[in-house]
Amino acid sequence: MAKIKIKAKLKRDNVSVKVLAKSPMAGKEEAANRKIPIEYITHMRATFNDELIWEASTGPFLSKNPYMQFVFNATEAGAKKGDKIEISLIDSNGKTSQKSQKIK
């Protein structure tokens, strides 16, 4: 399953979150050509204090090791430095990965 790297930074009233997910993102055709198993991220979601703040449905159309970035309003969410953001991924085989990171 994918390994996840997260950077979350508070600047003014916004938290900028950057996510790098290590995954081959290989669909059926690419997996056959490269002789590797079919594996790609199908769903990504970010939560803060158990509240959903961002999500994306993806597929093999993304490049290998996809990079995502999003911003949310810290004041509305009640976010401050030291709080944790959690990222979870689901792949095409139903496996999940999770990682959390403190806001800096």
C-alpha atoms as a PDB file:
ATOM      1  CA  MET A   1       0.000   0.000   0.000  1.00  0.00           C
ATOM      2  CA  ALA A   2       0.979   3.595  -0.441  1.00  0.00           C
ATOM      3  CA  LYS A   3       3.317   5.392   1.931  1.00  0.00           C
ATOM      4  CA  ILE A   4       2.209   8.907   2.822  1.00  0.00           C
ATOM      5  CA  LYS A   5       4.174  12.081   3.510  1.00  0.00           C
ATOM      6  CA  ILE A   6       2.315  15.093   4.911  1.00  0.00           C
ATOM      7  CA  LYS A   7       3.216  18.732   5.529  1.00  0.00           C
ATOM      8  CA  ALA A   8       0.670  20.975   7.224  1.00  0.00           C
ATOM      9  CA  LYS A   9       1.468  24.626   7.864  1.00  0.00           C
ATOM     10  CA  LEU A  10      -0.617  27.357   9.502  1.00  0.00           C
ATOM     11  CA  LYS A  11      -0.261  30.755   7.845  1.00  0.00           C
ATOM     12  CA  ARG A  12      -2.575  33.598   8.851  1.00  0.00           C
ATOM     13  CA  ASP A  13      -6.066  32.043   8.959  1.00  0.00           C
ATOM     14  CA  ASN A  14      -5.377  29.146   6.584  1.00  0.00           C
ATOM     15  CA  VAL A  15      -3.797  25.728   6.930  1.00  0.00           C
ATOM     16  CA  SER A  16      -1.959  24.578   3.814  1.00  0.00           C
ATOM     17  CA  VAL A  17      -1.693  20.800   3.543  1.00  0.00           C
ATOM     18  CA  LYS A  18       0.612  19.000   1.100  1.00  0.00           C
ATOM     19  CA  VAL A  19       0.358  15.238   0.608  1.00  0.00           C
ATOM     20  CA  LEU A  20       2.715  12.936  -1.302  1.00  0.00           C
ATOM     21  CA  ALA A  21       1.490   9.370  -1.696  1.00  0.00           C
ATOM     22  CA  LYS A  22       3.932   6.749  -2.960  1.00  0.00           C
ATOM     23  CA  SER A  23       1.966   4.461  -5.291  1.00  0.00           C
ATOM     24  CA  PRO A  24       2.633   2.970  -8.742  1.00  0.00           C
ATOM     25  CA  MET A  25      -0.846   4.133  -9.878  1.00  0.00           C
ATOM     26  CA  ALA A  26      -0.865   1.227 -12.357  1.00  0.00           C
ATOM     27  CA  GLY A  27      -4.163   0.417 -14.043  1.00  0.00           C
ATOM     28  CA  LYS A  28      -4.888  -2.796 -15.955  1.00  0.00           C
ATOM     29  CA  GLU A  29      -3.055  -1.865 -19.163  1.00  0.00           C
ATOM     30  CA  GLU A  30      -0.004  -0.296 -17.519  1.00  0.00           C
ATOM     31  CA  ALA A  31       0.310  -3.156 -15.025  1.00  0.00           C
ATOM     32  CA  ALA A  32       0.295  -5.697 -17.877  1.00  0.00           C
ATOM     33  CA  ASN A  33       2.939  -3.736 -19.816  1.00  0.00           C
ATOM     34  CA  ARG A  34       5.197  -3.327 -16.764  1.00  0.00           C
ATOM     35  CA  LYS A  35       4.417  -6.829 -15.420  1.00  0.00           C
ATOM     36  CA  ILE A  36       3.411  -5.517 -12.004  1.00  0.00           C
ATOM     37  CA  PRO A  37       0.198  -5.951  -9.992  1.00  0.00           C
ATOM     38  CA  ILE A  38      -2.702  -3.587 -10.590  1.00  0.00           C
ATOM     39  CA  GLU A  39      -2.557  -0.976  -7.835  1.00  0.00           C
ATOM     40  CA  TYR A  40      -3.749   2.606  -7.700  1.00  0.00           C
ATOM     41  CA  ILE A  41      -5.304   4.930  -5.148  1.00  0.00           C
ATOM     42  CA  THR A  42      -9.085   5.124  -5.472  1.00  0.00           C
ATOM     43  CA  HIS A  43      -9.968   7.459  -2.616  1.00  0.00           C
ATOM     44  CA  MET A  44      -8.135  10.037  -0.487  1.00  0.00           C
ATOM     45  CA  ARG A  45      -9.583  11.880   2.479  1.00  0.00           C
ATOM     46  CA  ALA A  46      -8.354  14.317   5.101  1.00  0.00           C
ATOM     47  CA  THR A  47      -9.896  14.759   8.521  1.00  0.00           C
ATOM     48  CA  PHE A  48      -9.353  17.226  11.335  1.00  0.00           C
ATOM     49  CA  ASN A  49     -10.914  16.534  14.758  1.00  0.00           C
ATOM     50  CA  ASP A  50     -12.850  13.646  13.150  1.00  0.00           C
ATOM     51  CA  GLU A  51     -14.459  16.091  10.675  1.00  0.00           C
ATOM     52  CA  LEU A  52     -13.975  15.611   6.942  1.00  0.00           C
ATOM     53  CA  ILE A  53     -12.149  18.639   5.506  1.00  0.00           C
ATOM     54  CA  TRP A  54     -11.112  17.334   2.052  1.00  0.00           C
ATOM     55  CA  GLU A  55     -11.606  14.265  -0.129  1.00  0.00           C
ATOM     56  CA  ALA A  56     -10.895  13.119  -3.653  1.00  0.00           C
ATOM     57  CA  SER A  57     -11.861  10.127  -5.764  1.00  0.00           C
ATOM     58  CA  THR A  58      -8.966   9.131  -7.988  1.00  0.00           C
ATOM     59  CA  GLY A  59      -7.959   6.396 -10.395  1.00  0.00           C
ATOM     60  CA  PRO A  60      -5.091   5.127 -12.521  1.00  0.00           C
ATOM     61  CA  PHE A  61      -5.186   8.361 -14.560  1.00  0.00           C
ATOM     62  CA  LEU A  62      -2.951  10.075 -11.965  1.00  0.00           C
ATOM     63  CA  SER A  63       0.824   9.933 -12.284  1.00  0.00           C
ATOM     64  CA  LYS A  64       2.981   7.644 -10.180  1.00  0.00           C
ATOM     65  CA  ASN A  65       3.424   8.978  -6.617  1.00  0.00           C
ATOM     66  CA  PRO A  66       0.635  11.600  -6.764  1.00  0.00           C
ATOM     67  CA  TYR A  67       1.047  14.941  -5.007  1.00  0.00           C
ATOM     68  CA  MET A  68      -2.030  16.743  -3.686  1.00  0.00           C
ATOM     69  CA  GLN A  69      -2.358  20.133  -2.025  1.00  0.00           C
ATOM     70  CA  PHE A  70      -5.335  21.824  -0.388  1.00  0.00           C
ATOM     71  CA  VAL A  71      -6.066  24.701   1.988  1.00  0.00           C
ATOM     72  CA  PHE A  72      -8.719  25.021   4.673  1.00  0.00           C
ATOM     73  CA  ASN A  73      -9.749  27.860   6.958  1.00  0.00           C
ATOM     74  CA  ALA A  74      -8.171  27.401  10.388  1.00  0.00           C
ATOM     75  CA  THR A  75     -10.595  29.740  12.158  1.00  0.00           C
ATOM     76  CA  GLU A  76     -13.707  27.896  10.938  1.00  0.00           C
ATOM     77  CA  ALA A  77     -12.210  24.481  11.759  1.00  0.00           C
ATOM     78  CA  GLY A  78     -10.729  25.604  15.082  1.00  0.00           C
ATOM     79  CA  ALA A  79      -7.223  24.555  13.988  1.00  0.00           C
ATOM     80  CA  LYS A  80      -4.058  25.736  15.672  1.00  0.00           C
ATOM     81  CA  LYS A  81      -0.379  24.782  15.684  1.00  0.00           C
ATOM     82  CA  GLY A  82       0.190  21.358  17.202  1.00  0.00           C
ATOM     83  CA  ASP A  83      -3.223  19.960  16.175  1.00  0.00           C
ATOM     84  CA  LYS A  84      -3.222  16.866  13.965  1.00  0.00           C
ATOM     85  CA  ILE A  85      -4.446  16.339  10.405  1.00  0.00           C
ATOM     86  CA  GLU A  86      -5.122  12.731   9.376  1.00  0.00           C
ATOM     87  CA  ILE A  87      -4.866  11.496   5.784  1.00  0.00           C
ATOM     88  CA  SER A  88      -6.320   8.141   4.732  1.00  0.00           C
ATOM     89  CA  LEU A  89      -6.066   6.363   1.387  1.00  0.00           C
ATOM     90  CA  ILE A  90      -7.883   3.389  -0.109  1.00  0.00           C
ATOM     91  CA  ASP A  91      -6.325   1.513  -3.031  1.00  0.00           C
ATOM     92  CA  SER A  92      -7.822  -0.555  -5.836  1.00  0.00           C
ATOM     93  CA  ASN A  93      -7.318  -3.743  -3.798  1.00  0.00           C
ATOM     94  CA  GLY A  94      -9.264  -2.368  -0.819  1.00  0.00           C
ATOM     95  CA  LYS A  95      -6.165  -1.818   1.344  1.00  0.00           C
ATOM     96  CA  THR A  96      -6.032   1.321   3.455  1.00  0.00           C
ATOM     97  CA  SER A  97      -3.185   3.539   4.678  1.00  0.00           C
ATOM     98  CA  GLN A  98      -3.395   6.281   7.284  1.00  0.00           C
ATOM     99  CA  LYS A  99      -0.993   8.857   8.604  1.00  0.00           C
ATOM    100  CA  SER A 100      -1.357  11.901  10.803  1.00  0.00           C
ATOM    101  CA  GLN A 101       0.799  15.004  11.040  1.00  0.00           C
ATOM    102  CA  LYS A 102       0.881  17.947  13.423  1.00  0.00           C
ATOM    103  CA  ILE A 103       0.191  21.420  12.027  1.00  0.00           C
ATOM    104  CA  LYS A 104       3.315  23.580  12.161  1.00  0.00           C
END
